[in-house]
Amino acid sequence: MSVEAYVPSKDIVTLTESAVRHFTNKLANEPGKIVRVSTKVNGCTGYAYVLDMAEAPATDDAVVQVNDNLIVAIASDSVNLLRNTEIDYVREGINGVVKFNNPNVADMCGCGESFSVNN
């Protein structure tokens, strides 16, 4: 299976096929819900990613229609931090992990929980 990304809006985020499958499966029993991505000030280097399932996007969210079954909303205050980020879902041993391949990251903490970006 290819890892080609769905590209609804290249300047915000893309999702790999693996991520699309993961989120579609996660939302299968929650019709009408969407994935919402934001960031929060956290950790030793600045920001942390926040993934939520939401009823609808916030008024000022950027909305990415991935396919007929999957909508991803990006919090407006996180768009510049996440621009051009690829969201992936990978298996690490017995665990599955959502990975953010974010080209804006300038530094990450040692545990990988927080990141900073160039201003």
N, C-alpha and C. Protein backbone atom coordinates (compact mmCIF):
# COMPACT_ATOMS: atom_id res chain seq x y z
N MET A 1 0.85 -1.19 0.00
CA MET A 1 0.00 0.00 0.00
C MET A 1 0.89 1.24 0.00
N SER A 2 0.52 2.21 -0.78
CA SER A 2 1.34 3.42 -0.87
C SER A 2 1.12 4.32 0.34
N VAL A 3 2.07 5.19 0.58
CA VAL A 3 1.95 6.16 1.66
C VAL A 3 1.64 7.53 1.10
N GLU A 4 1.01 7.53 -0.05
CA GLU A 4 0.64 8.79 -0.69
C GLU A 4 -0.31 9.55 0.23
N ALA A 5 -0.11 10.84 0.33
CA ALA A 5 -0.93 11.67 1.22
C ALA A 5 -2.15 12.21 0.48
N TYR A 6 -3.23 12.34 1.19
CA TYR A 6 -4.39 13.04 0.68
C TYR A 6 -4.08 14.52 0.83
N VAL A 7 -4.26 15.30 -0.21
CA VAL A 7 -3.80 16.68 -0.17
C VAL A 7 -4.96 17.65 -0.41
N PRO A 8 -5.83 17.82 0.58
CA PRO A 8 -6.91 18.76 0.40
C PRO A 8 -6.44 20.20 0.44
N SER A 9 -5.42 20.49 1.23
CA SER A 9 -4.88 21.84 1.31
C SER A 9 -3.43 21.73 1.72
N LYS A 10 -2.55 21.77 0.75
CA LYS A 10 -1.13 21.55 1.00
C LYS A 10 -0.54 22.54 1.99
N ASP A 11 -1.11 23.73 2.06
CA ASP A 11 -0.49 24.74 2.93
C ASP A 11 -0.92 24.62 4.38
N ILE A 12 -1.77 23.67 4.72
CA ILE A 12 -2.10 23.48 6.13
C ILE A 12 -1.57 22.12 6.58
N VAL A 13 -2.31 21.05 6.41
CA VAL A 13 -1.85 19.71 6.78
C VAL A 13 -2.24 18.70 5.71
N THR A 14 -1.51 17.59 5.69
CA THR A 14 -1.87 16.43 4.88
C THR A 14 -1.92 15.23 5.81
N LEU A 15 -2.62 14.20 5.38
CA LEU A 15 -2.69 12.95 6.14
C LEU A 15 -2.25 11.81 5.26
N THR A 16 -1.46 10.90 5.81
CA THR A 16 -1.09 9.70 5.07
C THR A 16 -2.31 8.78 5.01
N GLU A 17 -2.26 7.80 4.14
CA GLU A 17 -3.34 6.82 4.06
C GLU A 17 -3.54 6.13 5.40
N SER A 18 -2.44 5.83 6.08
CA SER A 18 -2.51 5.19 7.39
C SER A 18 -3.25 6.06 8.40
N ALA A 19 -2.99 7.36 8.40
CA ALA A 19 -3.67 8.28 9.31
C ALA A 19 -5.15 8.39 8.96
N VAL A 20 -5.46 8.44 7.66
CA VAL A 20 -6.86 8.51 7.24
C VAL A 20 -7.61 7.28 7.73
N ARG A 21 -7.02 6.09 7.55
CA ARG A 21 -7.66 4.85 8.03
C ARG A 21 -7.86 4.89 9.54
N HIS A 22 -6.83 5.32 10.27
CA HIS A 22 -6.90 5.37 11.73
C HIS A 22 -8.04 6.27 12.20
N PHE A 23 -8.08 7.49 11.69
CA PHE A 23 -9.11 8.42 12.15
C PHE A 23 -10.50 8.02 11.66
N THR A 24 -10.59 7.48 10.46
CA THR A 24 -11.89 7.01 9.96
C THR A 24 -12.42 5.89 10.85
N ASN A 25 -11.55 4.94 11.21
CA ASN A 25 -11.96 3.86 12.12
C ASN A 25 -12.33 4.38 13.49
N LYS A 26 -11.56 5.33 13.99
CA LYS A 26 -11.81 5.90 15.32
C LYS A 26 -13.16 6.62 15.38
N LEU A 27 -13.56 7.23 14.26
CA LEU A 27 -14.82 7.98 14.22
C LEU A 27 -16.00 7.14 13.72
N ALA A 28 -15.77 5.90 13.35
CA ALA A 28 -16.82 5.06 12.75
C ALA A 28 -18.07 4.96 13.62
N ASN A 29 -17.90 4.90 14.92
CA ASN A 29 -19.05 4.78 15.83
C ASN A 29 -19.49 6.12 16.40
N GLU A 30 -18.97 7.20 15.84
CA GLU A 30 -19.32 8.54 16.31
C GLU A 30 -19.69 9.41 15.11
N PRO A 31 -20.82 9.12 14.47
CA PRO A 31 -21.19 9.87 13.27
C PRO A 31 -21.29 11.37 13.53
N GLY A 32 -20.79 12.12 12.56
CA GLY A 32 -20.86 13.57 12.65
C GLY A 32 -19.68 14.21 13.36
N LYS A 33 -18.87 13.42 14.05
CA LYS A 33 -17.72 14.00 14.74
C LYS A 33 -16.58 14.23 13.77
N ILE A 34 -15.70 15.14 14.14
CA ILE A 34 -14.54 15.50 13.34
C ILE A 34 -13.28 15.39 14.20
N VAL A 35 -12.14 15.41 13.55
CA VAL A 35 -10.86 15.47 14.24
C VAL A 35 -10.47 16.94 14.33
N ARG A 36 -10.06 17.38 15.52
CA ARG A 36 -9.62 18.77 15.70
C ARG A 36 -8.19 18.75 16.21
N VAL A 37 -7.32 19.49 15.53
CA VAL A 37 -5.91 19.57 15.89
C VAL A 37 -5.62 20.99 16.37
N SER A 38 -4.95 21.05 17.50
CA SER A 38 -4.54 22.35 18.03
C SER A 38 -3.19 22.17 18.71
N THR A 39 -2.68 23.24 19.27
CA THR A 39 -1.45 23.19 20.04
C THR A 39 -1.69 23.91 21.36
N LYS A 40 -0.86 23.60 22.33
CA LYS A 40 -0.93 24.33 23.59
C LYS A 40 0.48 24.58 24.07
N VAL A 41 0.64 25.64 24.84
CA VAL A 41 1.94 25.93 25.43
C VAL A 41 2.18 24.86 26.47
N ASN A 42 3.34 24.17 26.34
CA ASN A 42 3.57 23.03 27.20
C ASN A 42 5.03 22.60 27.12
N GLY A 43 5.50 21.95 28.16
CA GLY A 43 6.81 21.31 28.15
C GLY A 43 7.96 22.29 28.19
N CYS A 44 9.13 21.74 27.99
CA CYS A 44 10.35 22.52 28.14
C CYS A 44 10.74 23.29 26.88
N THR A 45 10.13 22.97 25.72
CA THR A 45 10.53 23.68 24.50
C THR A 45 9.45 24.56 23.91
N GLY A 46 8.23 24.52 24.42
CA GLY A 46 7.25 25.49 23.94
C GLY A 46 5.86 24.99 23.71
N TYR A 47 5.64 24.08 22.74
CA TYR A 47 4.29 23.69 22.35
C TYR A 47 4.12 22.18 22.35
N ALA A 48 2.88 21.74 22.51
CA ALA A 48 2.53 20.33 22.38
C ALA A 48 1.33 20.23 21.45
N TYR A 49 1.24 19.13 20.73
CA TYR A 49 0.10 18.87 19.86
C TYR A 49 -1.08 18.39 20.69
N VAL A 50 -2.29 18.80 20.29
CA VAL A 50 -3.51 18.36 20.95
C VAL A 50 -4.45 17.81 19.87
N LEU A 51 -4.88 16.57 20.03
CA LEU A 51 -5.83 15.93 19.13
C LEU A 51 -7.11 15.68 19.89
N ASP A 52 -8.23 16.14 19.35
CA ASP A 52 -9.53 15.94 19.97
C ASP A 52 -10.53 15.47 18.93
N MET A 53 -11.57 14.81 19.38
CA MET A 53 -12.72 14.54 18.54
C MET A 53 -13.75 15.59 18.95
N ALA A 54 -14.33 16.26 17.98
CA ALA A 54 -15.25 17.36 18.27
C ALA A 54 -16.53 17.19 17.48
N GLU A 55 -17.57 17.87 17.95
CA GLU A 55 -18.86 17.85 17.26
C GLU A 55 -18.81 18.67 15.98
N ALA A 56 -18.02 19.75 16.01
CA ALA A 56 -17.93 20.65 14.87
C ALA A 56 -16.69 21.52 15.03
N PRO A 57 -16.23 22.11 13.94
CA PRO A 57 -15.10 23.03 14.06
C PRO A 57 -15.50 24.28 14.83
N ALA A 58 -14.53 24.92 15.47
CA ALA A 58 -14.77 26.23 16.07
C ALA A 58 -14.97 27.22 14.93
N THR A 59 -15.58 28.33 15.21
CA THR A 59 -15.91 29.32 14.20
C THR A 59 -14.73 29.74 13.33
N ASP A 60 -13.56 29.91 13.94
CA ASP A 60 -12.41 30.41 13.19
C ASP A 60 -11.41 29.32 12.80
N ASP A 61 -11.76 28.04 12.96
CA ASP A 61 -10.87 26.95 12.57
C ASP A 61 -10.69 26.90 11.05
N ALA A 62 -9.53 26.45 10.62
CA ALA A 62 -9.31 26.10 9.21
C ALA A 62 -9.81 24.67 9.05
N VAL A 63 -10.61 24.42 8.03
CA VAL A 63 -11.23 23.11 7.86
C VAL A 63 -10.67 22.43 6.63
N VAL A 64 -10.23 21.19 6.81
CA VAL A 64 -9.70 20.37 5.73
C VAL A 64 -10.64 19.19 5.54
N GLN A 65 -11.28 19.13 4.38
CA GLN A 65 -12.17 18.01 4.04
C GLN A 65 -11.28 16.94 3.43
N VAL A 66 -10.91 15.92 4.20
CA VAL A 66 -10.00 14.89 3.73
C VAL A 66 -10.69 13.98 2.73
N ASN A 67 -11.91 13.54 3.07
CA ASN A 67 -12.74 12.73 2.18
C ASN A 67 -14.19 12.86 2.64
N ASP A 68 -15.08 12.07 2.08
CA ASP A 68 -16.50 12.19 2.45
C ASP A 68 -16.76 11.87 3.91
N ASN A 69 -15.87 11.10 4.55
CA ASN A 69 -16.09 10.66 5.92
C ASN A 69 -15.18 11.30 6.95
N LEU A 70 -14.25 12.13 6.52
CA LEU A 70 -13.27 12.66 7.46
C LEU A 70 -13.01 14.14 7.24
N ILE A 71 -13.24 14.90 8.30
CA ILE A 71 -12.95 16.33 8.32
C ILE A 71 -11.96 16.58 9.45
N VAL A 72 -10.93 17.36 9.14
CA VAL A 72 -9.95 17.76 10.14
C VAL A 72 -10.01 19.27 10.27
N ALA A 73 -10.21 19.74 11.49
CA ALA A 73 -10.22 21.18 11.77
C ALA A 73 -8.91 21.54 12.46
N ILE A 74 -8.34 22.65 12.05
CA ILE A 74 -7.09 23.15 12.65
C ILE A 74 -7.41 24.45 13.37
N ALA A 75 -7.13 24.48 14.67
CA ALA A 75 -7.38 25.69 15.46
C ALA A 75 -6.65 26.87 14.82
N SER A 76 -7.33 27.99 14.73
CA SER A 76 -6.77 29.16 14.04
C SER A 76 -5.44 29.61 14.63
N ASP A 77 -5.27 29.49 15.95
CA ASP A 77 -4.01 29.92 16.56
C ASP A 77 -2.89 28.90 16.38
N SER A 78 -3.19 27.77 15.73
CA SER A 78 -2.18 26.74 15.49
C SER A 78 -1.81 26.59 14.01
N VAL A 79 -2.54 27.28 13.13
CA VAL A 79 -2.31 27.11 11.70
C VAL A 79 -0.86 27.38 11.33
N ASN A 80 -0.28 28.48 11.79
CA ASN A 80 1.10 28.80 11.42
C ASN A 80 2.11 27.82 12.00
N LEU A 81 1.80 27.23 13.16
CA LEU A 81 2.69 26.23 13.75
C LEU A 81 2.63 24.91 13.01
N LEU A 82 1.48 24.62 12.37
CA LEU A 82 1.25 23.34 11.73
C LEU A 82 1.33 23.37 10.20
N ARG A 83 1.52 24.54 9.63
CA ARG A 83 1.53 24.66 8.17
C ARG A 83 2.50 23.67 7.53
N ASN A 84 2.02 22.93 6.51
CA ASN A 84 2.80 21.93 5.77
C ASN A 84 3.12 20.67 6.57
N THR A 85 2.42 20.45 7.67
CA THR A 85 2.64 19.26 8.48
C THR A 85 1.94 18.05 7.88
N GLU A 86 2.65 16.93 7.88
CA GLU A 86 2.05 15.65 7.49
C GLU A 86 1.70 14.90 8.77
N ILE A 87 0.44 14.48 8.87
CA ILE A 87 0.00 13.69 10.02
C ILE A 87 0.01 12.23 9.58
N ASP A 88 0.69 11.39 10.36
CA ASP A 88 0.84 9.98 10.03
C ASP A 88 0.41 9.14 11.23
N TYR A 89 0.11 7.90 10.96
CA TYR A 89 -0.20 6.94 12.03
C TYR A 89 0.72 5.75 11.80
N VAL A 90 1.55 5.44 12.79
CA VAL A 90 2.52 4.36 12.64
C VAL A 90 2.42 3.38 13.80
N ARG A 91 2.79 2.15 13.53
CA ARG A 91 2.86 1.13 14.56
C ARG A 91 4.27 1.13 15.12
N GLU A 92 4.37 1.18 16.43
CA GLU A 92 5.66 1.08 17.12
C GLU A 92 5.53 -0.06 18.10
N GLY A 93 6.00 -1.23 17.71
CA GLY A 93 5.80 -2.43 18.52
C GLY A 93 4.33 -2.79 18.52
N ILE A 94 3.73 -2.89 19.69
CA ILE A 94 2.30 -3.21 19.78
C ILE A 94 1.43 -1.96 19.84
N ASN A 95 2.05 -0.81 19.86
CA ASN A 95 1.31 0.45 19.97
C ASN A 95 1.20 1.17 18.64
N GLY A 96 0.10 1.89 18.47
CA GLY A 96 -0.06 2.78 17.34
C GLY A 96 0.11 4.21 17.83
N VAL A 97 0.79 5.04 17.03
CA VAL A 97 1.10 6.39 17.44
C VAL A 97 0.81 7.36 16.29
N VAL A 98 0.16 8.48 16.61
CA VAL A 98 -0.01 9.56 15.64
C VAL A 98 1.27 10.37 15.65
N LYS A 99 1.86 10.55 14.47
CA LYS A 99 3.10 11.30 14.33
C LYS A 99 2.84 12.57 13.53
N PHE A 100 3.45 13.64 13.96
CA PHE A 100 3.36 14.92 13.26
C PHE A 100 4.72 15.18 12.62
N ASN A 101 4.77 15.08 11.30
CA ASN A 101 6.00 15.38 10.56
C ASN A 101 5.92 16.85 10.17
N ASN A 102 6.40 17.68 11.11
CA ASN A 102 6.21 19.12 11.02
C ASN A 102 7.51 19.81 10.61
N PRO A 103 7.56 20.38 9.40
CA PRO A 103 8.78 21.02 8.93
C PRO A 103 9.10 22.34 9.65
N ASN A 104 8.17 22.82 10.45
CA ASN A 104 8.36 24.08 11.15
C ASN A 104 9.11 23.93 12.47
N VAL A 105 9.29 22.69 12.92
CA VAL A 105 9.92 22.44 14.21
C VAL A 105 11.40 22.78 14.15
N ALA A 106 11.81 23.62 15.09
CA ALA A 106 13.22 24.01 15.20
C ALA A 106 13.93 23.19 16.27
N ASP A 107 13.18 22.76 17.30
CA ASP A 107 13.77 22.02 18.40
C ASP A 107 12.69 21.20 19.09
N MET A 108 13.07 20.04 19.61
CA MET A 108 12.14 19.19 20.37
C MET A 108 12.79 18.85 21.70
N CYS A 109 11.96 18.62 22.70
CA CYS A 109 12.50 18.18 23.98
C CYS A 109 12.95 16.73 23.84
N GLY A 110 13.72 16.26 24.78
CA GLY A 110 14.27 14.91 24.73
C GLY A 110 13.23 13.82 24.72
N CYS A 111 12.09 14.05 25.38
CA CYS A 111 11.05 13.01 25.44
C CYS A 111 10.09 13.10 24.26
N GLY A 112 10.22 14.14 23.43
CA GLY A 112 9.38 14.28 22.25
C GLY A 112 7.98 14.81 22.52
N GLU A 113 7.74 15.30 23.73
CA GLU A 113 6.41 15.79 24.09
C GLU A 113 6.16 17.23 23.70
N SER A 114 7.22 18.02 23.50
CA SER A 114 7.01 19.42 23.14
C SER A 114 8.00 19.84 22.07
N PHE A 115 7.68 20.96 21.41
CA PHE A 115 8.51 21.43 20.31
C PHE A 115 8.50 22.95 20.29
N SER A 116 9.45 23.50 19.56
CA SER A 116 9.47 24.95 19.32
C SER A 116 9.64 25.17 17.83
N VAL A 117 9.28 26.37 17.39
CA VAL A 117 9.38 26.72 15.97
C VAL A 117 10.20 28.00 15.85
N ASN A 118 10.77 28.21 14.67
CA ASN A 118 11.46 29.47 14.41
C ASN A 118 10.41 30.56 14.21
N ASN A 119 10.65 31.72 14.77
CA ASN A 119 9.71 32.84 14.60
C ASN A 119 10.04 33.65 13.40
